[in-house]
Amino acid sequence: MSDELKQLTERIIKFRDARDWKQFHKPKDLAISLSLEASEVLEHFQWKSEKEIEEYVKTNKAEIAEELADVLNYLLIMAHDFDIDLMNAAEKKVVKNEGKYPVEKAKGKHTKYDKL
């Protein structure tokens, strides 16, 4: 894990532990919280056209950033609590996806790997 990500994780865990919130961070509840925060990201784009979204992002970047930060925070908490090296897992997933979606078959397509 990068030093910045490790330091951020430590800060988030310290914040949580100082408030005695780990007792509420059962795997199910963390997963629910992660999903809820991701849904809050979606709220920013719901019912907007592509043109409206383009303008909205310019004028509401701070609010969107806060929701993305909430998602990242829950990811880091879950990775910490489950002893998962998130950077390593992400790298492995990229390698796996490179195999499932080779450039020569997937470039410019949104087709699922098993239909390429």
C-alpha atoms as a PDB file:
ATOM      1  CA  MET A   1       0.000   0.000   0.000  1.00  0.00           C
ATOM      2  CA  SER A   2       1.272   3.481  -0.798  1.00  0.00           C
ATOM      3  CA  ASP A   3       2.391   5.620   2.108  1.00  0.00           C
ATOM      4  CA  GLU A   4      -0.371   8.167   1.461  1.00  0.00           C
ATOM      5  CA  LEU A   5      -3.079   5.519   1.427  1.00  0.00           C
ATOM      6  CA  LYS A   6      -1.628   3.864   4.519  1.00  0.00           C
ATOM      7  CA  GLN A   7      -1.543   7.195   6.377  1.00  0.00           C
ATOM      8  CA  LEU A   8      -5.104   7.988   5.331  1.00  0.00           C
ATOM      9  CA  THR A   9      -6.281   4.565   6.476  1.00  0.00           C
ATOM     10  CA  GLU A  10      -4.542   5.014   9.825  1.00  0.00           C
ATOM     11  CA  ARG A  11      -6.163   8.430  10.270  1.00  0.00           C
ATOM     12  CA  ILE A  12      -9.635   7.061   9.449  1.00  0.00           C
ATOM     13  CA  ILE A  13      -9.183   4.122  11.833  1.00  0.00           C
ATOM     14  CA  LYS A  14      -7.906   6.445  14.567  1.00  0.00           C
ATOM     15  CA  PHE A  15     -10.970   8.687  14.036  1.00  0.00           C
ATOM     16  CA  ARG A  16     -13.283   5.672  14.255  1.00  0.00           C
ATOM     17  CA  ASP A  17     -11.601   4.108  17.259  1.00  0.00           C
ATOM     18  CA  ALA A  18     -11.513   7.375  19.233  1.00  0.00           C
ATOM     19  CA  ARG A  19     -15.302   7.425  18.963  1.00  0.00           C
ATOM     20  CA  ASP A  20     -15.708   3.712  19.780  1.00  0.00           C
ATOM     21  CA  TRP A  21     -17.516   3.119  16.482  1.00  0.00           C
ATOM     22  CA  LYS A  22     -15.816  -0.151  15.573  1.00  0.00           C
ATOM     23  CA  GLN A  23     -18.576  -1.903  17.503  1.00  0.00           C
ATOM     24  CA  PHE A  24     -20.961  -0.772  14.745  1.00  0.00           C
ATOM     25  CA  HIS A  25     -18.693  -1.810  11.875  1.00  0.00           C
ATOM     26  CA  LYS A  26     -19.830  -5.366  11.288  1.00  0.00           C
ATOM     27  CA  PRO A  27     -19.134  -6.612   7.741  1.00  0.00           C
ATOM     28  CA  LYS A  28     -22.813  -6.397   6.755  1.00  0.00           C
ATOM     29  CA  ASP A  29     -23.119  -2.849   8.043  1.00  0.00           C
ATOM     30  CA  LEU A  30     -19.932  -1.705   6.340  1.00  0.00           C
ATOM     31  CA  ALA A  31     -21.132  -3.184   3.048  1.00  0.00           C
ATOM     32  CA  ILE A  32     -24.502  -1.470   3.435  1.00  0.00           C
ATOM     33  CA  SER A  33     -22.803   1.828   4.258  1.00  0.00           C
ATOM     34  CA  LEU A  34     -20.536   1.517   1.236  1.00  0.00           C
ATOM     35  CA  SER A  35     -23.541   0.905  -1.007  1.00  0.00           C
ATOM     36  CA  LEU A  36     -25.486   3.798   0.512  1.00  0.00           C
ATOM     37  CA  GLU A  37     -22.580   6.192   0.012  1.00  0.00           C
ATOM     38  CA  ALA A  38     -22.180   5.045  -3.598  1.00  0.00           C
ATOM     39  CA  SER A  39     -25.890   5.695  -4.064  1.00  0.00           C
ATOM     40  CA  GLU A  40     -25.380   9.229  -2.769  1.00  0.00           C
ATOM     41  CA  VAL A  41     -22.900   9.717  -5.608  1.00  0.00           C
ATOM     42  CA  LEU A  42     -25.631   8.607  -8.026  1.00  0.00           C
ATOM     43  CA  GLU A  43     -28.061  11.179  -6.641  1.00  0.00           C
ATOM     44  CA  HIS A  44     -25.951  13.941  -8.155  1.00  0.00           C
ATOM     45  CA  PHE A  45     -26.606  12.612 -11.647  1.00  0.00           C
ATOM     46  CA  GLN A  46     -30.161  11.314 -11.397  1.00  0.00           C
ATOM     47  CA  TRP A  47     -32.621  12.827 -13.894  1.00  0.00           C
ATOM     48  CA  LYS A  48     -29.980  14.990 -15.571  1.00  0.00           C
ATOM     49  CA  SER A  49     -29.109  14.978 -19.255  1.00  0.00           C
ATOM     50  CA  GLU A  50     -25.482  14.667 -20.364  1.00  0.00           C
ATOM     51  CA  LYS A  51     -25.363  18.430 -20.914  1.00  0.00           C
ATOM     52  CA  GLU A  52     -26.837  19.125 -17.469  1.00  0.00           C
ATOM     53  CA  ILE A  53     -24.345  16.732 -15.883  1.00  0.00           C
ATOM     54  CA  GLU A  54     -21.419  18.461 -17.569  1.00  0.00           C
ATOM     55  CA  GLU A  55     -22.464  21.820 -16.082  1.00  0.00           C
ATOM     56  CA  TYR A  56     -23.465  20.303 -12.738  1.00  0.00           C
ATOM     57  CA  VAL A  57     -20.063  18.705 -12.213  1.00  0.00           C
ATOM     58  CA  LYS A  58     -18.368  22.065 -12.759  1.00  0.00           C
ATOM     59  CA  THR A  59     -20.523  23.809 -10.164  1.00  0.00           C
ATOM     60  CA  ASN A  60     -20.905  20.991  -7.610  1.00  0.00           C
ATOM     61  CA  LYS A  61     -17.476  19.400  -7.595  1.00  0.00           C
ATOM     62  CA  ALA A  62     -16.998  19.846  -3.829  1.00  0.00           C
ATOM     63  CA  GLU A  63     -20.246  18.037  -3.003  1.00  0.00           C
ATOM     64  CA  ILE A  64     -19.449  15.186  -5.390  1.00  0.00           C
ATOM     65  CA  ALA A  65     -15.939  14.983  -3.912  1.00  0.00           C
ATOM     66  CA  GLU A  66     -17.394  14.578  -0.418  1.00  0.00           C
ATOM     67  CA  GLU A  67     -19.519  11.634  -1.533  1.00  0.00           C
ATOM     68  CA  LEU A  68     -16.577  10.026  -3.313  1.00  0.00           C
ATOM     69  CA  ALA A  69     -14.509  10.515  -0.151  1.00  0.00           C
ATOM     70  CA  ASP A  70     -17.197   8.732   1.877  1.00  0.00           C
ATOM     71  CA  VAL A  71     -17.011   5.794  -0.542  1.00  0.00           C
ATOM     72  CA  LEU A  72     -13.208   5.732  -0.290  1.00  0.00           C
ATOM     73  CA  ASN A  73     -13.335   5.908   3.503  1.00  0.00           C
ATOM     74  CA  TYR A  74     -15.614   2.888   3.732  1.00  0.00           C
ATOM     75  CA  LEU A  75     -13.429   0.986   1.264  1.00  0.00           C
ATOM     76  CA  LEU A  76     -10.380   1.711   3.383  1.00  0.00           C
ATOM     77  CA  ILE A  77     -12.131   0.720   6.604  1.00  0.00           C
ATOM     78  CA  MET A  78     -13.317  -2.558   5.089  1.00  0.00           C
ATOM     79  CA  ALA A  79      -9.900  -3.344   3.637  1.00  0.00           C
ATOM     80  CA  HIS A  80      -8.289  -2.601   7.013  1.00  0.00           C
ATOM     81  CA  ASP A  81     -10.770  -4.662   9.015  1.00  0.00           C
ATOM     82  CA  PHE A  82     -10.628  -7.609   6.589  1.00  0.00           C
ATOM     83  CA  ASP A  83      -6.822  -7.405   6.292  1.00  0.00           C
ATOM     84  CA  ILE A  84      -6.986  -6.875   2.528  1.00  0.00           C
ATOM     85  CA  ASP A  85      -4.206  -5.065   0.734  1.00  0.00           C
ATOM     86  CA  LEU A  86      -6.456  -2.921  -1.423  1.00  0.00           C
ATOM     87  CA  MET A  87      -3.682  -1.750  -3.746  1.00  0.00           C
ATOM     88  CA  ASN A  88      -2.592  -5.339  -4.355  1.00  0.00           C
ATOM     89  CA  ALA A  89      -6.189  -6.445  -4.883  1.00  0.00           C
ATOM     90  CA  ALA A  90      -6.773  -3.602  -7.360  1.00  0.00           C
ATOM     91  CA  GLU A  91      -3.606  -4.478  -9.275  1.00  0.00           C
ATOM     92  CA  LYS A  92      -4.631  -8.148  -9.468  1.00  0.00           C
ATOM     93  CA  LYS A  93      -8.081  -7.130 -10.686  1.00  0.00           C
ATOM     94  CA  VAL A  94      -6.598  -4.961 -13.455  1.00  0.00           C
ATOM     95  CA  VAL A  95      -4.433  -7.877 -14.582  1.00  0.00           C
ATOM     96  CA  LYS A  96      -7.479 -10.175 -14.530  1.00  0.00           C
ATOM     97  CA  ASN A  97      -9.545  -7.670 -16.526  1.00  0.00           C
ATOM     98  CA  GLU A  98      -6.741  -7.267 -19.064  1.00  0.00           C
ATOM     99  CA  GLY A  99      -7.075 -10.991 -19.721  1.00  0.00           C
ATOM    100  CA  LYS A 100     -10.866 -10.870 -19.886  1.00  0.00           C
ATOM    101  CA  TYR A 101     -10.934  -7.765 -22.086  1.00  0.00           C
ATOM    102  CA  PRO A 102      -7.997  -7.876 -24.501  1.00  0.00           C
ATOM    103  CA  VAL A 103      -7.606  -4.605 -26.417  1.00  0.00           C
ATOM    104  CA  GLU A 104      -7.986  -6.269 -29.803  1.00  0.00           C
ATOM    105  CA  LYS A 105     -11.431  -7.609 -28.819  1.00  0.00           C
ATOM    106  CA  ALA A 106     -12.758  -4.993 -26.404  1.00  0.00           C
ATOM    107  CA  LYS A 107     -11.554  -1.623 -27.710  1.00  0.00           C
ATOM    108  CA  GLY A 108     -14.478   0.736 -28.147  1.00  0.00           C
ATOM    109  CA  LYS A 109     -17.038  -1.860 -27.048  1.00  0.00           C
ATOM    110  CA  HIS A 110     -19.107  -2.159 -23.882  1.00  0.00           C
ATOM    111  CA  THR A 111     -19.728  -5.861 -24.450  1.00  0.00           C
ATOM    112  CA  LYS A 112     -19.300  -8.208 -21.491  1.00  0.00           C
ATOM    113  CA  TYR A 113     -16.174 -10.367 -21.704  1.00  0.00           C
ATOM    114  CA  ASP A 114     -18.062 -13.615 -22.312  1.00  0.00           C
ATOM    115  CA  LYS A 115     -19.731 -12.117 -25.394  1.00  0.00           C
ATOM    116  CA  LEU A 116     -16.607 -10.703 -27.063  1.00  0.00           C
END
